Amino acid sequence: MPSTRLVSAIMAAGVITAGISTGTAWAGGPGGVVENADDMMSAAVGTGVFIDNLVGFLALGSTNEEAMANVVAQCQAAGGVECSSDMATNMDNCIGAFADPVNMISGGGVGATIEEARQNAIQRAIDANMAVSAPDVFVVIADCWEP
């Protein structure tokens, strides 16, 4: 999990999910073809700590980097601390921010489904030599995206 960070111990007390649902930003054409590159959008998910809760955020941007910056800005504007952007995409897939309350870590993953994104987040943590209690990893926020 490239943007993995420690989550305060009070995170296990509860999780609130905040975000917006996204629509399709790609219109027509054969698979893999973008009709207007100026219309490309990216989506990003991230988390922030609010008193006793870990809160999820979803934001859009014209690039992955802009979407990730927008997630952090959205979290900070809402009063969150330890705000992070955990995953971004401009591809046809699912992204999510996930948390492991046993080892107090959170991070992002990507996949064809939300469960595949969860498994990707677990594998990223393992690849980074982090302890992960896979059965306890839960979705903080996730979305399937079709740019």
N, C-alpha and C. Protein backbone atom coordinates (compact mmCIF):
# COMPACT_ATOMS: atom_id res chain seq x y z
N MET A 1 0.85 -1.17 0.00
CA MET A 1 0.00 0.00 0.00
C MET A 1 0.89 1.23 0.00
N PRO A 2 1.09 1.87 -1.13
CA PRO A 2 2.02 2.98 -1.21
C PRO A 2 1.70 4.11 -0.25
N SER A 3 0.44 4.35 0.00
CA SER A 3 0.10 5.45 0.89
C SER A 3 -0.41 4.92 2.23
N THR A 4 0.16 3.81 2.66
CA THR A 4 -0.24 3.23 3.93
C THR A 4 0.24 4.11 5.07
N ARG A 5 -0.59 4.21 6.08
CA ARG A 5 -0.22 4.99 7.25
C ARG A 5 -0.86 4.35 8.46
N LEU A 6 -0.35 4.67 9.61
CA LEU A 6 -0.94 4.17 10.84
C LEU A 6 -2.23 4.90 11.13
N VAL A 7 -3.18 4.19 11.65
CA VAL A 7 -4.48 4.76 11.99
C VAL A 7 -4.60 4.73 13.50
N SER A 8 -5.13 5.78 14.08
CA SER A 8 -5.23 5.84 15.53
C SER A 8 -6.05 4.67 16.07
N ALA A 9 -5.74 4.27 17.28
CA ALA A 9 -6.40 3.11 17.89
C ALA A 9 -7.89 3.29 18.03
N ILE A 10 -8.36 4.52 18.06
CA ILE A 10 -9.79 4.74 18.21
C ILE A 10 -10.55 4.46 16.92
N MET A 11 -9.83 4.21 15.83
CA MET A 11 -10.48 3.93 14.56
C MET A 11 -11.44 2.76 14.66
N ALA A 12 -11.11 1.76 15.43
CA ALA A 12 -11.94 0.57 15.52
C ALA A 12 -13.31 0.87 16.11
N ALA A 13 -13.48 2.02 16.74
CA ALA A 13 -14.76 2.38 17.36
C ALA A 13 -15.86 2.54 16.31
N GLY A 14 -15.52 2.86 15.09
CA GLY A 14 -16.55 3.01 14.08
C GLY A 14 -16.01 3.58 12.80
N VAL A 15 -16.77 3.43 11.75
CA VAL A 15 -16.38 3.95 10.45
C VAL A 15 -17.57 4.68 9.85
N ILE A 16 -17.31 5.87 9.35
CA ILE A 16 -18.33 6.63 8.64
C ILE A 16 -17.84 6.78 7.21
N THR A 17 -18.70 6.62 6.28
CA THR A 17 -18.31 6.77 4.89
C THR A 17 -18.94 8.02 4.32
N ALA A 18 -18.12 8.86 3.72
CA ALA A 18 -18.61 10.07 3.07
C ALA A 18 -18.07 10.09 1.66
N GLY A 19 -18.80 10.60 0.75
CA GLY A 19 -18.32 10.67 -0.61
C GLY A 19 -19.44 11.02 -1.56
N ILE A 20 -19.12 10.99 -2.80
CA ILE A 20 -20.12 11.25 -3.81
C ILE A 20 -20.13 10.08 -4.77
N SER A 21 -21.27 9.80 -5.35
CA SER A 21 -21.31 8.75 -6.36
C SER A 21 -20.88 9.37 -7.68
N THR A 22 -20.25 8.57 -8.50
CA THR A 22 -19.76 9.09 -9.76
C THR A 22 -20.55 8.51 -10.91
N GLY A 23 -20.63 9.25 -11.96
CA GLY A 23 -21.29 8.79 -13.17
C GLY A 23 -20.27 8.47 -14.22
N THR A 24 -20.76 8.03 -15.35
CA THR A 24 -19.87 7.68 -16.44
C THR A 24 -19.43 8.95 -17.15
N ALA A 25 -18.13 9.09 -17.33
CA ALA A 25 -17.59 10.27 -18.01
C ALA A 25 -17.20 9.95 -19.44
N TRP A 26 -17.32 8.70 -19.83
CA TRP A 26 -16.94 8.28 -21.18
C TRP A 26 -18.21 8.02 -21.96
N ALA A 27 -18.31 8.52 -23.17
CA ALA A 27 -19.55 8.40 -23.92
C ALA A 27 -19.34 7.75 -25.27
N GLY A 28 -19.71 6.51 -25.42
CA GLY A 28 -19.72 5.85 -26.71
C GLY A 28 -18.37 5.49 -27.26
N GLY A 29 -18.39 4.90 -28.46
CA GLY A 29 -17.17 4.50 -29.12
C GLY A 29 -16.80 3.08 -28.75
N PRO A 30 -15.98 2.45 -29.57
CA PRO A 30 -15.55 1.09 -29.27
C PRO A 30 -14.68 1.04 -28.02
N GLY A 31 -14.58 -0.13 -27.40
CA GLY A 31 -13.79 -0.28 -26.19
C GLY A 31 -12.38 0.23 -26.35
N GLY A 32 -11.90 0.96 -25.37
CA GLY A 32 -10.53 1.47 -25.38
C GLY A 32 -10.35 2.76 -26.13
N VAL A 33 -11.41 3.31 -26.67
CA VAL A 33 -11.31 4.55 -27.45
C VAL A 33 -11.90 5.70 -26.66
N VAL A 34 -11.16 6.77 -26.54
CA VAL A 34 -11.66 7.98 -25.89
C VAL A 34 -11.94 8.99 -26.99
N GLU A 35 -13.19 9.44 -27.06
CA GLU A 35 -13.57 10.35 -28.14
C GLU A 35 -12.98 11.74 -27.96
N ASN A 36 -12.87 12.19 -26.72
CA ASN A 36 -12.36 13.53 -26.47
C ASN A 36 -11.46 13.47 -25.24
N ALA A 37 -10.16 13.53 -25.46
CA ALA A 37 -9.21 13.41 -24.35
C ALA A 37 -9.40 14.50 -23.30
N ASP A 38 -9.98 15.64 -23.71
CA ASP A 38 -10.22 16.71 -22.74
C ASP A 38 -11.29 16.32 -21.72
N ASP A 39 -12.11 15.31 -22.05
CA ASP A 39 -13.17 14.87 -21.15
C ASP A 39 -12.70 13.78 -20.18
N MET A 40 -11.44 13.35 -20.25
CA MET A 40 -10.93 12.31 -19.36
C MET A 40 -11.03 12.76 -17.92
N MET A 41 -11.48 11.86 -17.08
CA MET A 41 -11.59 12.15 -15.65
C MET A 41 -10.93 11.03 -14.88
N SER A 42 -10.48 11.37 -13.70
CA SER A 42 -9.92 10.39 -12.78
C SER A 42 -10.71 10.46 -11.48
N ALA A 43 -10.72 9.34 -10.77
CA ALA A 43 -11.36 9.27 -9.46
C ALA A 43 -10.31 8.81 -8.46
N ALA A 44 -10.42 9.29 -7.23
CA ALA A 44 -9.50 8.89 -6.17
C ALA A 44 -10.28 8.68 -4.88
N VAL A 45 -9.79 7.76 -4.05
CA VAL A 45 -10.36 7.53 -2.73
C VAL A 45 -9.28 7.74 -1.69
N GLY A 46 -9.70 8.13 -0.50
CA GLY A 46 -8.76 8.34 0.60
C GLY A 46 -9.50 8.32 1.91
N THR A 47 -8.74 8.52 2.98
CA THR A 47 -9.32 8.47 4.32
C THR A 47 -8.77 9.60 5.18
N GLY A 48 -9.49 9.85 6.26
CA GLY A 48 -9.06 10.80 7.27
C GLY A 48 -9.66 10.41 8.61
N VAL A 49 -9.01 10.81 9.68
CA VAL A 49 -9.47 10.48 11.03
C VAL A 49 -10.27 11.66 11.58
N PHE A 50 -11.45 11.35 12.11
CA PHE A 50 -12.34 12.32 12.73
C PHE A 50 -12.72 11.79 14.11
N ILE A 51 -12.17 12.34 15.17
CA ILE A 51 -12.42 11.96 16.56
C ILE A 51 -12.35 10.45 16.73
N ASP A 52 -13.49 9.75 16.69
CA ASP A 52 -13.50 8.31 16.92
C ASP A 52 -13.70 7.49 15.66
N ASN A 53 -13.56 8.09 14.50
CA ASN A 53 -13.90 7.39 13.26
C ASN A 53 -12.89 7.60 12.16
N LEU A 54 -12.79 6.61 11.29
CA LEU A 54 -12.05 6.72 10.04
C LEU A 54 -13.09 6.98 8.96
N VAL A 55 -12.93 8.07 8.22
CA VAL A 55 -13.92 8.49 7.24
C VAL A 55 -13.32 8.35 5.84
N GLY A 56 -14.13 7.86 4.91
CA GLY A 56 -13.70 7.72 3.53
C GLY A 56 -14.17 8.86 2.66
N PHE A 57 -13.36 9.21 1.65
CA PHE A 57 -13.67 10.29 0.72
C PHE A 57 -13.43 9.84 -0.70
N LEU A 58 -14.24 10.37 -1.62
CA LEU A 58 -14.10 10.13 -3.05
C LEU A 58 -14.07 11.48 -3.73
N ALA A 59 -13.13 11.69 -4.64
CA ALA A 59 -13.04 12.96 -5.36
C ALA A 59 -12.65 12.70 -6.81
N LEU A 60 -12.96 13.66 -7.65
CA LEU A 60 -12.65 13.59 -9.08
C LEU A 60 -11.60 14.62 -9.43
N GLY A 61 -10.96 14.43 -10.58
CA GLY A 61 -10.00 15.40 -11.09
C GLY A 61 -9.72 15.10 -12.55
N SER A 62 -9.06 16.01 -13.23
CA SER A 62 -8.76 15.79 -14.64
C SER A 62 -7.60 14.82 -14.82
N THR A 63 -6.80 14.60 -13.77
CA THR A 63 -5.71 13.61 -13.78
C THR A 63 -5.77 12.85 -12.46
N ASN A 64 -5.06 11.73 -12.39
CA ASN A 64 -4.98 10.99 -11.13
C ASN A 64 -4.41 11.86 -10.02
N GLU A 65 -3.37 12.63 -10.34
CA GLU A 65 -2.72 13.47 -9.35
C GLU A 65 -3.69 14.53 -8.81
N GLU A 66 -4.47 15.13 -9.71
CA GLU A 66 -5.44 16.14 -9.28
C GLU A 66 -6.54 15.51 -8.43
N ALA A 67 -7.02 14.34 -8.82
CA ALA A 67 -8.05 13.65 -8.03
C ALA A 67 -7.52 13.31 -6.64
N MET A 68 -6.26 12.87 -6.56
CA MET A 68 -5.67 12.53 -5.26
C MET A 68 -5.53 13.77 -4.39
N ALA A 69 -5.11 14.88 -4.98
CA ALA A 69 -5.00 16.14 -4.23
C ALA A 69 -6.39 16.59 -3.77
N ASN A 70 -7.40 16.39 -4.59
CA ASN A 70 -8.76 16.79 -4.23
C ASN A 70 -9.30 15.96 -3.06
N VAL A 71 -8.93 14.68 -2.99
CA VAL A 71 -9.36 13.84 -1.86
C VAL A 71 -8.80 14.39 -0.55
N VAL A 72 -7.51 14.70 -0.55
CA VAL A 72 -6.87 15.23 0.66
C VAL A 72 -7.48 16.59 1.02
N ALA A 73 -7.69 17.45 0.03
CA ALA A 73 -8.28 18.76 0.29
C ALA A 73 -9.70 18.63 0.85
N GLN A 74 -10.47 17.69 0.30
CA GLN A 74 -11.84 17.47 0.78
C GLN A 74 -11.83 17.03 2.25
N CYS A 75 -10.93 16.12 2.59
CA CYS A 75 -10.81 15.63 3.96
C CYS A 75 -10.39 16.75 4.91
N GLN A 76 -9.39 17.52 4.51
CA GLN A 76 -8.92 18.61 5.36
C GLN A 76 -9.98 19.68 5.54
N ALA A 77 -10.73 19.98 4.47
CA ALA A 77 -11.79 20.99 4.56
C ALA A 77 -12.90 20.54 5.51
N ALA A 78 -13.08 19.23 5.64
CA ALA A 78 -14.10 18.70 6.55
C ALA A 78 -13.59 18.61 7.98
N GLY A 79 -12.31 18.93 8.20
CA GLY A 79 -11.75 18.91 9.55
C GLY A 79 -11.02 17.63 9.92
N GLY A 80 -10.73 16.81 8.94
CA GLY A 80 -10.03 15.55 9.20
C GLY A 80 -8.56 15.74 9.48
N VAL A 81 -7.99 14.77 10.18
CA VAL A 81 -6.54 14.72 10.40
C VAL A 81 -6.04 13.43 9.80
N GLU A 82 -4.74 13.33 9.61
CA GLU A 82 -4.13 12.17 8.97
C GLU A 82 -4.82 11.86 7.65
N CYS A 83 -5.14 12.90 6.87
CA CYS A 83 -5.81 12.72 5.59
C CYS A 83 -4.83 12.13 4.57
N SER A 84 -5.31 11.15 3.81
CA SER A 84 -4.47 10.54 2.80
C SER A 84 -5.28 10.22 1.56
N SER A 85 -4.60 10.14 0.46
CA SER A 85 -5.18 9.64 -0.78
C SER A 85 -4.61 8.25 -0.98
N ASP A 86 -5.50 7.25 -1.03
CA ASP A 86 -5.04 5.87 -1.01
C ASP A 86 -4.97 5.19 -2.38
N MET A 87 -5.77 5.63 -3.34
CA MET A 87 -5.75 5.02 -4.67
C MET A 87 -6.48 5.93 -5.64
N ALA A 88 -6.01 5.94 -6.91
CA ALA A 88 -6.66 6.72 -7.96
C ALA A 88 -6.69 5.90 -9.24
N THR A 89 -7.64 6.22 -10.11
CA THR A 89 -7.73 5.55 -11.40
C THR A 89 -8.39 6.44 -12.44
N ASN A 90 -8.03 6.23 -13.68
CA ASN A 90 -8.75 6.80 -14.81
C ASN A 90 -9.09 5.67 -15.77
N MET A 91 -9.07 4.46 -15.26
CA MET A 91 -9.34 3.25 -16.04
C MET A 91 -10.69 2.68 -15.64
N ASP A 92 -11.14 1.70 -16.38
CA ASP A 92 -12.41 1.02 -16.12
C ASP A 92 -12.18 -0.05 -15.06
N ASN A 93 -12.21 0.34 -13.78
CA ASN A 93 -12.00 -0.62 -12.69
C ASN A 93 -12.55 -0.07 -11.38
N CYS A 94 -12.36 -0.83 -10.32
CA CYS A 94 -12.82 -0.43 -9.00
C CYS A 94 -11.63 -0.04 -8.13
N ILE A 95 -11.82 0.98 -7.31
CA ILE A 95 -10.79 1.39 -6.37
C ILE A 95 -11.41 1.45 -4.98
N GLY A 96 -10.58 1.33 -3.97
CA GLY A 96 -11.10 1.41 -2.62
C GLY A 96 -10.03 1.75 -1.62
N ALA A 97 -10.47 2.30 -0.50
CA ALA A 97 -9.62 2.51 0.67
C ALA A 97 -10.10 1.49 1.70
N PHE A 98 -9.15 0.76 2.25
CA PHE A 98 -9.45 -0.34 3.15
C PHE A 98 -8.68 -0.16 4.45
N ALA A 99 -9.19 -0.75 5.53
CA ALA A 99 -8.52 -0.62 6.83
C ALA A 99 -8.44 -1.98 7.51
N ASP A 100 -7.37 -2.16 8.27
CA ASP A 100 -7.15 -3.35 9.08
C ASP A 100 -7.13 -2.88 10.54
N PRO A 101 -8.23 -3.07 11.28
CA PRO A 101 -8.29 -2.58 12.65
C PRO A 101 -7.38 -3.35 13.61
N VAL A 102 -6.99 -4.55 13.25
CA VAL A 102 -6.11 -5.36 14.10
C VAL A 102 -4.71 -4.77 14.11
N ASN A 103 -4.19 -4.42 12.93
CA ASN A 103 -2.83 -3.88 12.81
C ASN A 103 -2.80 -2.37 12.65
N MET A 104 -3.98 -1.74 12.67
CA MET A 104 -4.11 -0.28 12.62
C MET A 104 -3.44 0.34 11.40
N ILE A 105 -3.73 -0.22 10.22
CA ILE A 105 -3.21 0.35 8.97
C ILE A 105 -4.37 0.55 8.00
N SER A 106 -4.17 1.44 7.05
CA SER A 106 -5.12 1.61 5.96
C SER A 106 -4.35 1.85 4.68
N GLY A 107 -5.01 1.60 3.56
CA GLY A 107 -4.36 1.80 2.28
C GLY A 107 -5.34 1.51 1.16
N GLY A 108 -4.87 1.64 -0.08
CA GLY A 108 -5.75 1.50 -1.22
C GLY A 108 -5.44 0.30 -2.08
N GLY A 109 -6.43 -0.06 -2.90
CA GLY A 109 -6.28 -1.15 -3.84
C GLY A 109 -7.13 -0.90 -5.07
N VAL A 110 -6.85 -1.67 -6.13
CA VAL A 110 -7.54 -1.54 -7.39
C VAL A 110 -7.82 -2.93 -7.94
N GLY A 111 -8.96 -3.10 -8.63
CA GLY A 111 -9.30 -4.38 -9.23
C GLY A 111 -10.56 -4.29 -10.06
N ALA A 112 -10.93 -5.39 -10.69
CA ALA A 112 -12.13 -5.43 -11.53
C ALA A 112 -13.40 -5.35 -10.68
N THR A 113 -13.31 -5.78 -9.43
CA THR A 113 -14.44 -5.69 -8.48
C THR A 113 -13.92 -5.09 -7.18
N ILE A 114 -14.83 -4.73 -6.30
CA ILE A 114 -14.40 -4.19 -5.01
C ILE A 114 -13.64 -5.25 -4.21
N GLU A 115 -14.07 -6.50 -4.27
CA GLU A 115 -13.34 -7.56 -3.57
C GLU A 115 -11.93 -7.74 -4.14
N GLU A 116 -11.78 -7.65 -5.46
CA GLU A 116 -10.43 -7.73 -6.05
C GLU A 116 -9.58 -6.54 -5.61
N ALA A 117 -10.19 -5.36 -5.49
CA ALA A 117 -9.46 -4.18 -5.01
C ALA A 117 -9.03 -4.40 -3.56
N ARG A 118 -9.89 -5.00 -2.75
CA ARG A 118 -9.55 -5.32 -1.34
C ARG A 118 -8.37 -6.28 -1.30
N GLN A 119 -8.41 -7.33 -2.12
CA GLN A 119 -7.31 -8.29 -2.16
C GLN A 119 -6.01 -7.62 -2.64
N ASN A 120 -6.13 -6.68 -3.59
CA ASN A 120 -4.96 -5.94 -4.07
C ASN A 120 -4.36 -5.10 -2.95
N ALA A 121 -5.20 -4.46 -2.14
CA ALA A 121 -4.72 -3.66 -1.01
C ALA A 121 -4.00 -4.55 0.00
N ILE A 122 -4.54 -5.73 0.27
CA ILE A 122 -3.90 -6.67 1.19
C ILE A 122 -2.54 -7.09 0.64
N GLN A 123 -2.49 -7.41 -0.65
CA GLN A 123 -1.22 -7.83 -1.26
C GLN A 123 -0.20 -6.71 -1.24
N ARG A 124 -0.64 -5.47 -1.46
CA ARG A 124 0.29 -4.33 -1.41
C ARG A 124 0.91 -4.19 -0.01
N ALA A 125 0.10 -4.41 1.01
CA ALA A 125 0.61 -4.33 2.39
C ALA A 125 1.60 -5.46 2.64
N ILE A 126 1.29 -6.66 2.18
CA ILE A 126 2.20 -7.80 2.35
C ILE A 126 3.51 -7.53 1.62
N ASP A 127 3.41 -7.02 0.37
CA ASP A 127 4.61 -6.69 -0.41
C ASP A 127 5.48 -5.63 0.27
N ALA A 128 4.85 -4.78 1.09
CA ALA A 128 5.59 -3.74 1.82
C ALA A 128 6.04 -4.25 3.20
N ASN A 129 5.96 -5.58 3.39
CA ASN A 129 6.38 -6.23 4.64
C ASN A 129 5.61 -5.72 5.85
N MET A 130 4.33 -5.46 5.66
CA MET A 130 3.48 -5.02 6.77
C MET A 130 2.64 -6.19 7.25
N ALA A 131 2.40 -6.24 8.53
CA ALA A 131 1.52 -7.27 9.09
C ALA A 131 0.09 -6.93 8.70
N VAL A 132 -0.64 -7.94 8.20
CA VAL A 132 -2.02 -7.73 7.78
C VAL A 132 -2.87 -8.89 8.28
N SER A 133 -3.98 -8.56 8.89
CA SER A 133 -4.96 -9.57 9.30
C SER A 133 -6.05 -9.58 8.23
N ALA A 134 -5.81 -10.31 7.13
CA ALA A 134 -6.67 -10.29 5.95
C ALA A 134 -8.16 -10.47 6.25
N PRO A 135 -8.55 -11.39 7.15
CA PRO A 135 -9.99 -11.54 7.39
C PRO A 135 -10.64 -10.29 8.01
N ASP A 136 -9.85 -9.45 8.65
CA ASP A 136 -10.38 -8.27 9.32
C ASP A 136 -10.37 -7.01 8.46
N VAL A 137 -9.73 -7.06 7.28
CA VAL A 137 -9.65 -5.88 6.42
C VAL A 137 -11.05 -5.57 5.87
N PHE A 138 -11.48 -4.32 6.06
CA PHE A 138 -12.81 -3.93 5.61
C PHE A 138 -12.75 -2.71 4.70
N VAL A 139 -13.83 -2.51 3.95
CA VAL A 139 -13.95 -1.38 3.03
C VAL A 139 -14.30 -0.13 3.81
N VAL A 140 -13.51 0.92 3.65
CA VAL A 140 -13.86 2.24 4.21
C VAL A 140 -14.69 2.98 3.17
N ILE A 141 -14.20 3.00 1.94
CA ILE A 141 -14.95 3.58 0.82
C ILE A 141 -14.43 2.92 -0.45
N ALA A 142 -15.33 2.68 -1.39
CA ALA A 142 -14.95 2.08 -2.67
C ALA A 142 -15.92 2.54 -3.75
N ASP A 143 -15.44 2.50 -4.99
CA ASP A 143 -16.28 2.88 -6.11
C ASP A 143 -15.75 2.19 -7.36
N CYS A 144 -16.65 1.80 -8.22
CA CYS A 144 -16.26 1.25 -9.52
C CYS A 144 -16.44 2.35 -10.55
N TRP A 145 -15.42 2.53 -11.34
CA TRP A 145 -15.28 3.73 -12.16
C TRP A 145 -15.22 3.38 -13.63
N GLU A 146 -15.97 4.09 -14.43
CA GLU A 146 -15.91 3.99 -15.89
C GLU A 146 -15.68 5.39 -16.44
N PRO A 147 -14.43 5.70 -16.74
CA PRO A 147 -14.14 7.06 -17.23
C PRO A 147 -14.81 7.35 -18.56
